Amino acid sequence: MKPQSADTDLRIETELIERFRRMSSSERFFKAIRLSDFVLNQSKKAIKEANPHLNELEQKLLFISVHYGEELAERVRRSWKTENE
């Protein structure tokens, strides 16, 4: 088997792949959901820690900008501003 990861021992990688193959579709789905949730929360935490001077709304907008692009963040910013006027 060709390694998929440069930083993981091939034996470990093979075992992980076999474990995934033995999982049911729903187990793989929920594992992916949990992993996505973890990654999003880590990103939000990093933004908050790196930008303590930003309020909660500004941190949310920065998150949107980083993950989905400045164009969407600006549209959300304008939408929130319109709703709060």
PDB file of N, CA and C in Angstrom:
ATOM      1  N   MET A   1       0.840  -1.181   0.000  1.00  0.00           N
ATOM      2  CA  MET A   1       0.000   0.000   0.000  1.00  0.00           C
ATOM      3  C   MET A   1       0.888   1.249   0.000  1.00  0.00           C
ATOM      4  N   LYS A   2       0.536   2.215  -0.818  1.00  0.00           N
ATOM      5  CA  LYS A   2       1.269   3.477  -0.877  1.00  0.00           C
ATOM      6  C   LYS A   2       0.842   4.360   0.311  1.00  0.00           C
ATOM      7  N   PRO A   3       1.802   4.898   1.058  1.00  0.00           N
ATOM      8  CA  PRO A   3       1.458   5.755   2.200  1.00  0.00           C
ATOM      9  C   PRO A   3       0.625   6.973   1.766  1.00  0.00           C
ATOM     10  N   GLN A   4      -0.341   7.313   2.591  1.00  0.00           N
ATOM     11  CA  GLN A   4      -1.187   8.476   2.341  1.00  0.00           C
ATOM     12  C   GLN A   4      -0.690   9.699   3.096  1.00  0.00           C
ATOM     13  N   SER A   5       0.126   9.464   4.106  1.00  0.00           N
ATOM     14  CA  SER A   5       0.599  10.545   4.964  1.00  0.00           C
ATOM     15  C   SER A   5       2.105  10.427   5.166  1.00  0.00           C
ATOM     16  N   ALA A   6       2.785  11.532   4.997  1.00  0.00           N
ATOM     17  CA  ALA A   6       4.240  11.529   5.138  1.00  0.00           C
ATOM     18  C   ALA A   6       4.689  11.460   6.597  1.00  0.00           C
ATOM     19  N   ASP A   7       3.818  11.822   7.529  1.00  0.00           N
ATOM     20  CA  ASP A   7       4.246  11.891   8.929  1.00  0.00           C
ATOM     21  C   ASP A   7       3.663  10.787   9.810  1.00  0.00           C
ATOM     22  N   THR A   8       3.086   9.743   9.193  1.00  0.00           N
ATOM     23  CA  THR A   8       2.509   8.642   9.964  1.00  0.00           C
ATOM     24  C   THR A   8       3.157   7.333   9.534  1.00  0.00           C
ATOM     25  N   ASP A   9       3.575   6.547  10.511  1.00  0.00           N
ATOM     26  CA  ASP A   9       4.169   5.245  10.232  1.00  0.00           C
ATOM     27  C   ASP A   9       3.181   4.410   9.412  1.00  0.00           C
ATOM     28  N   LEU A  10       3.687   3.716   8.411  1.00  0.00           N
ATOM     29  CA  LEU A  10       2.843   2.943   7.505  1.00  0.00           C
ATOM     30  C   LEU A  10       2.011   1.896   8.240  1.00  0.00           C
ATOM     31  N   ARG A  11       2.573   1.269   9.272  1.00  0.00           N
ATOM     32  CA  ARG A  11       1.812   0.271  10.046  1.00  0.00           C
ATOM     33  C   ARG A  11       0.619   0.906  10.747  1.00  0.00           C
ATOM     34  N   ILE A  12       0.837   2.082  11.315  1.00  0.00           N
ATOM     35  CA  ILE A  12      -0.246   2.794  12.004  1.00  0.00           C
ATOM     36  C   ILE A  12      -1.298   3.230  10.990  1.00  0.00           C
ATOM     37  N   GLU A  13      -0.845   3.765   9.882  1.00  0.00           N
ATOM     38  CA  GLU A  13      -1.768   4.208   8.841  1.00  0.00           C
ATOM     39  C   GLU A  13      -2.617   3.046   8.327  1.00  0.00           C
ATOM     40  N   THR A  14      -2.002   1.909   8.106  1.00  0.00           N
ATOM     41  CA  THR A  14      -2.728   0.728   7.639  1.00  0.00           C
ATOM     42  C   THR A  14      -3.787   0.307   8.648  1.00  0.00           C
ATOM     43  N   GLU A  15      -3.425   0.321   9.922  1.00  0.00           N
ATOM     44  CA  GLU A  15      -4.382  -0.031  10.974  1.00  0.00           C
ATOM     45  C   GLU A  15      -5.552   0.953  11.009  1.00  0.00           C
ATOM     46  N   LEU A  16      -5.263   2.237  10.902  1.00  0.00           N
ATOM     47  CA  LEU A  16      -6.337   3.239  10.908  1.00  0.00           C
ATOM     48  C   LEU A  16      -7.284   3.042   9.727  1.00  0.00           C
ATOM     49  N   ILE A  17      -6.727   2.783   8.573  1.00  0.00           N
ATOM     50  CA  ILE A  17      -7.557   2.566   7.388  1.00  0.00           C
ATOM     51  C   ILE A  17      -8.437   1.335   7.576  1.00  0.00           C
ATOM     52  N   GLU A  18      -7.867   0.276   8.130  1.00  0.00           N
ATOM     53  CA  GLU A  18      -8.657  -0.937   8.378  1.00  0.00           C
ATOM     54  C   GLU A  18      -9.782  -0.668   9.372  1.00  0.00           C
ATOM     55  N   ARG A  19      -9.500   0.124  10.390  1.00  0.00           N
ATOM     56  CA  ARG A  19     -10.551   0.474  11.360  1.00  0.00           C
ATOM     57  C   ARG A  19     -11.681   1.239  10.683  1.00  0.00           C
ATOM     58  N   PHE A  20     -11.327   2.175   9.811  1.00  0.00           N
ATOM     59  CA  PHE A  20     -12.363   2.913   9.084  1.00  0.00           C
ATOM     60  C   PHE A  20     -13.179   1.989   8.193  1.00  0.00           C
ATOM     61  N   ARG A  21     -12.521   1.053   7.566  1.00  0.00           N
ATOM     62  CA  ARG A  21     -13.230   0.114   6.691  1.00  0.00           C
ATOM     63  C   ARG A  21     -14.208  -0.759   7.460  1.00  0.00           C
ATOM     64  N   ARG A  22     -13.884  -1.062   8.708  1.00  0.00           N
ATOM     65  CA  ARG A  22     -14.765  -1.906   9.535  1.00  0.00           C
ATOM     66  C   ARG A  22     -15.946  -1.126  10.107  1.00  0.00           C
ATOM     67  N   MET A  23     -15.873   0.189  10.072  1.00  0.00           N
ATOM     68  CA  MET A  23     -16.966   1.010  10.598  1.00  0.00           C
ATOM     69  C   MET A  23     -18.168   0.968   9.656  1.00  0.00           C
ATOM     70  N   SER A  24     -19.340   1.099  10.257  1.00  0.00           N
ATOM     71  CA  SER A  24     -20.547   1.227   9.433  1.00  0.00           C
ATOM     72  C   SER A  24     -20.577   2.633   8.835  1.00  0.00           C
ATOM     73  N   SER A  25     -21.443   2.818   7.875  1.00  0.00           N
ATOM     74  CA  SER A  25     -21.584   4.147   7.245  1.00  0.00           C
ATOM     75  C   SER A  25     -21.951   5.199   8.279  1.00  0.00           C
ATOM     76  N   SER A  26     -22.859   4.862   9.176  1.00  0.00           N
ATOM     77  CA  SER A  26     -23.276   5.847  10.182  1.00  0.00           C
ATOM     78  C   SER A  26     -22.137   6.153  11.154  1.00  0.00           C
ATOM     79  N   GLU A  27     -21.319   5.170  11.495  1.00  0.00           N
ATOM     80  CA  GLU A  27     -20.171   5.429  12.372  1.00  0.00           C
ATOM     81  C   GLU A  27     -19.183   6.376  11.697  1.00  0.00           C
ATOM     82  N   ARG A  28     -18.901   6.132  10.416  1.00  0.00           N
ATOM     83  CA  ARG A  28     -17.991   7.026   9.689  1.00  0.00           C
ATOM     84  C   ARG A  28     -18.585   8.436   9.581  1.00  0.00           C
ATOM     85  N   PHE A  29     -19.879   8.503   9.323  1.00  0.00           N
ATOM     86  CA  PHE A  29     -20.540   9.803   9.210  1.00  0.00           C
ATOM     87  C   PHE A  29     -20.418  10.586  10.518  1.00  0.00           C
ATOM     88  N   PHE A  30     -20.767   9.951  11.641  1.00  0.00           N
ATOM     89  CA  PHE A  30     -20.722  10.660  12.915  1.00  0.00           C
ATOM     90  C   PHE A  30     -19.294  10.974  13.350  1.00  0.00           C
ATOM     91  N   LYS A  31     -18.340  10.143  12.974  1.00  0.00           N
ATOM     92  CA  LYS A  31     -16.933  10.450  13.248  1.00  0.00           C
ATOM     93  C   LYS A  31     -16.522  11.709  12.476  1.00  0.00           C
ATOM     94  N   ALA A  32     -16.956  11.803  11.230  1.00  0.00           N
ATOM     95  CA  ALA A  32     -16.649  12.990  10.418  1.00  0.00           C
ATOM     96  C   ALA A  32     -17.305  14.230  11.011  1.00  0.00           C
ATOM     97  N   ILE A  33     -18.532  14.109  11.474  1.00  0.00           N
ATOM     98  CA  ILE A  33     -19.234  15.249  12.101  1.00  0.00           C
ATOM     99  C   ILE A  33     -18.486  15.702  13.349  1.00  0.00           C
ATOM    100  N   ARG A  34     -18.099  14.753  14.194  1.00  0.00           N
ATOM    101  CA  ARG A  34     -17.365  15.108  15.422  1.00  0.00           C
ATOM    102  C   ARG A  34     -16.029  15.765  15.094  1.00  0.00           C
ATOM    103  N   LEU A  35     -15.333  15.250  14.099  1.00  0.00           N
ATOM    104  CA  LEU A  35     -14.049  15.827  13.707  1.00  0.00           C
ATOM    105  C   LEU A  35     -14.233  17.243  13.163  1.00  0.00           C
ATOM    106  N   SER A  36     -15.241  17.433  12.323  1.00  0.00           N
ATOM    107  CA  SER A  36     -15.528  18.773  11.788  1.00  0.00           C
ATOM    108  C   SER A  36     -15.859  19.749  12.908  1.00  0.00           C
ATOM    109  N   ASP A  37     -16.670  19.299  13.848  1.00  0.00           N
ATOM    110  CA  ASP A  37     -17.034  20.135  14.988  1.00  0.00           C
ATOM    111  C   ASP A  37     -15.795  20.517  15.799  1.00  0.00           C
ATOM    112  N   PHE A  38     -14.917  19.551  16.021  1.00  0.00           N
ATOM    113  CA  PHE A  38     -13.682  19.808  16.760  1.00  0.00           C
ATOM    114  C   PHE A  38     -12.821  20.850  16.039  1.00  0.00           C
ATOM    115  N   VAL A  39     -12.654  20.679  14.741  1.00  0.00           N
ATOM    116  CA  VAL A  39     -11.811  21.598  13.965  1.00  0.00           C
ATOM    117  C   VAL A  39     -12.404  23.009  13.969  1.00  0.00           C
ATOM    118  N   LEU A  40     -13.709  23.130  13.786  1.00  0.00           N
ATOM    119  CA  LEU A  40     -14.342  24.458  13.812  1.00  0.00           C
ATOM    120  C   LEU A  40     -14.176  25.119  15.175  1.00  0.00           C
ATOM    121  N   ASN A  41     -14.365  24.345  16.240  1.00  0.00           N
ATOM    122  CA  ASN A  41     -14.205  24.911  17.586  1.00  0.00           C
ATOM    123  C   ASN A  41     -12.764  25.327  17.862  1.00  0.00           C
ATOM    124  N   GLN A  42     -11.802  24.542  17.379  1.00  0.00           N
ATOM    125  CA  GLN A  42     -10.394  24.907  17.544  1.00  0.00           C
ATOM    126  C   GLN A  42     -10.083  26.200  16.791  1.00  0.00           C
ATOM    127  N   SER A  43     -10.654  26.355  15.620  1.00  0.00           N
ATOM    128  CA  SER A  43     -10.439  27.572  14.841  1.00  0.00           C
ATOM    129  C   SER A  43     -11.019  28.782  15.565  1.00  0.00           C
ATOM    130  N   LYS A  44     -12.228  28.638  16.074  1.00  0.00           N
ATOM    131  CA  LYS A  44     -12.858  29.747  16.820  1.00  0.00           C
ATOM    132  C   LYS A  44     -12.033  30.106  18.053  1.00  0.00           C
ATOM    133  N   LYS A  45     -11.545  29.085  18.744  1.00  0.00           N
ATOM    134  CA  LYS A  45     -10.711  29.313  19.932  1.00  0.00           C
ATOM    135  C   LYS A  45      -9.424  30.053  19.557  1.00  0.00           C
ATOM    136  N   ALA A  46      -8.788  29.632  18.463  1.00  0.00           N
ATOM    137  CA  ALA A  46      -7.542  30.275  18.025  1.00  0.00           C
ATOM    138  C   ALA A  46      -7.782  31.732  17.641  1.00  0.00           C
ATOM    139  N   ILE A  47      -8.885  32.001  16.963  1.00  0.00           N
ATOM    140  CA  ILE A  47      -9.214  33.380  16.580  1.00  0.00           C
ATOM    141  C   ILE A  47      -9.435  34.228  17.827  1.00  0.00           C
ATOM    142  N   LYS A  48     -10.159  33.683  18.794  1.00  0.00           N
ATOM    143  CA  LYS A  48     -10.420  34.414  20.039  1.00  0.00           C
ATOM    144  C   LYS A  48      -9.120  34.701  20.795  1.00  0.00           C
ATOM    145  N   GLU A  49      -8.240  33.702  20.882  1.00  0.00           N
ATOM    146  CA  GLU A  49      -6.980  33.877  21.613  1.00  0.00           C
ATOM    147  C   GLU A  49      -6.029  34.830  20.896  1.00  0.00           C
ATOM    148  N   ALA A  50      -6.033  34.805  19.578  1.00  0.00           N
ATOM    149  CA  ALA A  50      -5.126  35.663  18.810  1.00  0.00           C
ATOM    150  C   ALA A  50      -5.645  37.089  18.667  1.00  0.00           C
ATOM    151  N   ASN A  51      -6.933  37.278  18.925  1.00  0.00           N
ATOM    152  CA  ASN A  51      -7.553  38.593  18.735  1.00  0.00           C
ATOM    153  C   ASN A  51      -8.430  38.978  19.920  1.00  0.00           C
ATOM    154  N   PRO A  52      -7.857  39.056  21.124  1.00  0.00           N
ATOM    155  CA  PRO A  52      -8.674  39.355  22.308  1.00  0.00           C
ATOM    156  C   PRO A  52      -9.293  40.756  22.266  1.00  0.00           C
ATOM    157  N   HIS A  53      -8.746  41.621  21.411  1.00  0.00           N
ATOM    158  CA  HIS A  53      -9.262  42.982  21.299  1.00  0.00           C
ATOM    159  C   HIS A  53     -10.569  43.040  20.496  1.00  0.00           C
ATOM    160  N   LEU A  54     -10.909  41.976  19.785  1.00  0.00           N
ATOM    161  CA  LEU A  54     -12.142  41.957  18.995  1.00  0.00           C
ATOM    162  C   LEU A  54     -13.312  41.511  19.862  1.00  0.00           C
ATOM    163  N   ASN A  55     -14.465  42.128  19.631  1.00  0.00           N
ATOM    164  CA  ASN A  55     -15.653  41.666  20.346  1.00  0.00           C
ATOM    165  C   ASN A  55     -16.168  40.387  19.681  1.00  0.00           C
ATOM    166  N   GLU A  56     -17.205  39.790  20.248  1.00  0.00           N
ATOM    167  CA  GLU A  56     -17.709  38.499  19.758  1.00  0.00           C
ATOM    168  C   GLU A  56     -18.158  38.577  18.297  1.00  0.00           C
ATOM    169  N   LEU A  57     -18.848  39.631  17.934  1.00  0.00           N
ATOM    170  CA  LEU A  57     -19.311  39.791  16.555  1.00  0.00           C
ATOM    171  C   LEU A  57     -18.132  39.903  15.590  1.00  0.00           C
ATOM    172  N   GLU A  58     -17.132  40.680  15.959  1.00  0.00           N
ATOM    173  CA  GLU A  58     -15.948  40.835  15.108  1.00  0.00           C
ATOM    174  C   GLU A  58     -15.193  39.512  14.963  1.00  0.00           C
ATOM    175  N   GLN A  59     -15.159  38.726  16.034  1.00  0.00           N
ATOM    176  CA  GLN A  59     -14.519  37.409  15.967  1.00  0.00           C
ATOM    177  C   GLN A  59     -15.283  36.484  15.023  1.00  0.00           C
ATOM    178  N   LYS A  60     -16.596  36.539  15.070  1.00  0.00           N
ATOM    179  CA  LYS A  60     -17.411  35.721  14.153  1.00  0.00           C
ATOM    180  C   LYS A  60     -17.178  36.135  12.706  1.00  0.00           C
ATOM    181  N   LEU A  61     -17.090  37.423  12.471  1.00  0.00           N
ATOM    182  CA  LEU A  61     -16.846  37.901  11.114  1.00  0.00           C
ATOM    183  C   LEU A  61     -15.451  37.489  10.625  1.00  0.00           C
ATOM    184  N   LEU A  62     -14.473  37.514  11.508  1.00  0.00           N
ATOM    185  CA  LEU A  62     -13.133  37.069  11.147  1.00  0.00           C
ATOM    186  C   LEU A  62     -13.137  35.577  10.815  1.00  0.00           C
ATOM    187  N   PHE A  63     -13.870  34.796  11.591  1.00  0.00           N
ATOM    188  CA  PHE A  63     -14.002  33.368  11.317  1.00  0.00           C
ATOM    189  C   PHE A  63     -14.584  33.150   9.917  1.00  0.00           C
ATOM    190  N   ILE A  64     -15.638  33.864   9.595  1.00  0.00           N
ATOM    191  CA  ILE A  64     -16.256  33.746   8.273  1.00  0.00           C
ATOM    192  C   ILE A  64     -15.256  34.131   7.189  1.00  0.00           C
ATOM    193  N   SER A  65     -14.545  35.209   7.410  1.00  0.00           N
ATOM    194  CA  SER A  65     -13.562  35.674   6.434  1.00  0.00           C
ATOM    195  C   SER A  65     -12.473  34.632   6.192  1.00  0.00           C
ATOM    196  N   VAL A  66     -11.953  34.059   7.267  1.00  0.00           N
ATOM    197  CA  VAL A  66     -10.865  33.081   7.160  1.00  0.00           C
ATOM    198  C   VAL A  66     -11.326  31.813   6.444  1.00  0.00           C
ATOM    199  N   HIS A  67     -12.523  31.349   6.788  1.00  0.00           N
ATOM    200  CA  HIS A  67     -12.977  30.048   6.274  1.00  0.00           C
ATOM    201  C   HIS A  67     -13.791  30.119   4.992  1.00  0.00           C
ATOM    202  N   TYR A  68     -14.470  31.229   4.784  1.00  0.00           N
ATOM    203  CA  TYR A  68     -15.388  31.297   3.638  1.00  0.00           C
ATOM    204  C   TYR A  68     -15.098  32.465   2.706  1.00  0.00           C
ATOM    205  N   GLY A  69     -14.156  33.304   3.088  1.00  0.00           N
ATOM    206  CA  GLY A  69     -13.753  34.401   2.228  1.00  0.00           C
ATOM    207  C   GLY A  69     -14.257  35.756   2.688  1.00  0.00           C
ATOM    208  N   GLU A  70     -13.493  36.778   2.329  1.00  0.00           N
ATOM    209  CA  GLU A  70     -13.816  38.147   2.731  1.00  0.00           C
ATOM    210  C   GLU A  70     -15.113  38.626   2.098  1.00  0.00           C
ATOM    211  N   GLU A  71     -15.392  38.178   0.884  1.00  0.00           N
ATOM    212  CA  GLU A  71     -16.623  38.616   0.222  1.00  0.00           C
ATOM    213  C   GLU A  71     -17.857  38.203   1.021  1.00  0.00           C
ATOM    214  N   LEU A  72     -17.903  36.958   1.468  1.00  0.00           N
ATOM    215  CA  LEU A  72     -19.040  36.513   2.274  1.00  0.00           C
ATOM    216  C   LEU A  72     -19.059  37.240   3.612  1.00  0.00           C
ATOM    217  N   ALA A  73     -17.906  37.415   4.220  1.00  0.00           N
ATOM    218  CA  ALA A  73     -17.845  38.115   5.508  1.00  0.00           C
ATOM    219  C   ALA A  73     -18.393  39.532   5.372  1.00  0.00           C
ATOM    220  N   GLU A  74     -18.068  40.186   4.292  1.00  0.00           N
ATOM    221  CA  GLU A  74     -18.567  41.550   4.080  1.00  0.00           C
ATOM    222  C   GLU A  74     -20.083  41.547   3.872  1.00  0.00           C
ATOM    223  N   ARG A  75     -20.593  40.565   3.149  1.00  0.00           N
ATOM    224  CA  ARG A  75     -22.051  40.477   2.959  1.00  0.00           C
ATOM    225  C   ARG A  75     -22.759  40.237   4.291  1.00  0.00           C
ATOM    226  N   VAL A  76     -22.194  39.370   5.114  1.00  0.00           N
ATOM    227  CA  VAL A  76     -22.771  39.102   6.438  1.00  0.00           C
ATOM    228  C   VAL A  76     -22.692  40.360   7.295  1.00  0.00           C
ATOM    229  N   ARG A  77     -21.549  41.047   7.236  1.00  0.00           N
ATOM    230  CA  ARG A  77     -21.362  42.288   8.004  1.00  0.00           C
ATOM    231  C   ARG A  77     -22.448  43.305   7.642  1.00  0.00           C
ATOM    232  N   ARG A  78     -22.658  43.492   6.344  1.00  0.00           N
ATOM    233  CA  ARG A  78     -23.702  44.441   5.893  1.00  0.00           C
ATOM    234  C   ARG A  78     -25.089  43.977   6.322  1.00  0.00           C
ATOM    235  N   SER A  79     -25.351  42.698   6.234  1.00  0.00           N
ATOM    236  CA  SER A  79     -26.654  42.151   6.632  1.00  0.00           C
ATOM    237  C   SER A  79     -26.903  42.374   8.113  1.00  0.00           C
ATOM    238  N   TRP A  80     -25.909  42.071   8.960  1.00  0.00           N
ATOM    239  CA  TRP A  80     -26.051  42.275  10.395  1.00  0.00           C
ATOM    240  C   TRP A  80     -26.226  43.749  10.726  1.00  0.00           C
ATOM    241  N   LYS A  81     -25.506  44.601  10.004  1.00  0.00           N
ATOM    242  CA  LYS A  81     -25.601  46.035  10.241  1.00  0.00           C
ATOM    243  C   LYS A  81     -27.003  46.527   9.899  1.00  0.00           C
ATOM    244  N   THR A  82     -27.541  46.081   8.778  1.00  0.00           N
ATOM    245  CA  THR A  82     -28.900  46.462   8.358  1.00  0.00           C
ATOM    246  C   THR A  82     -29.936  46.005   9.368  1.00  0.00           C
ATOM    247  N   GLU A  83     -29.795  44.783   9.861  1.00  0.00           N
ATOM    248  CA  GLU A  83     -30.749  44.229  10.844  1.00  0.00           C
ATOM    249  C   GLU A  83     -30.717  44.987  12.166  1.00  0.00           C
ATOM    250  N   ASN A  84     -29.584  45.560  12.506  1.00  0.00           N
ATOM    251  CA  ASN A  84     -29.430  46.219  13.805  1.00  0.00           C
ATOM    252  C   ASN A  84     -29.600  47.739  13.749  1.00  0.00           C
ATOM    253  N   GLU A  85     -30.024  48.226  12.619  1.00  0.00           N
ATOM    254  CA  GLU A  85     -30.232  49.687  12.521  1.00  0.00           C
ATOM    255  C   GLU A  85     -31.656  50.051  12.851  1.00  0.00           C
TER     256      GLU A  85
END
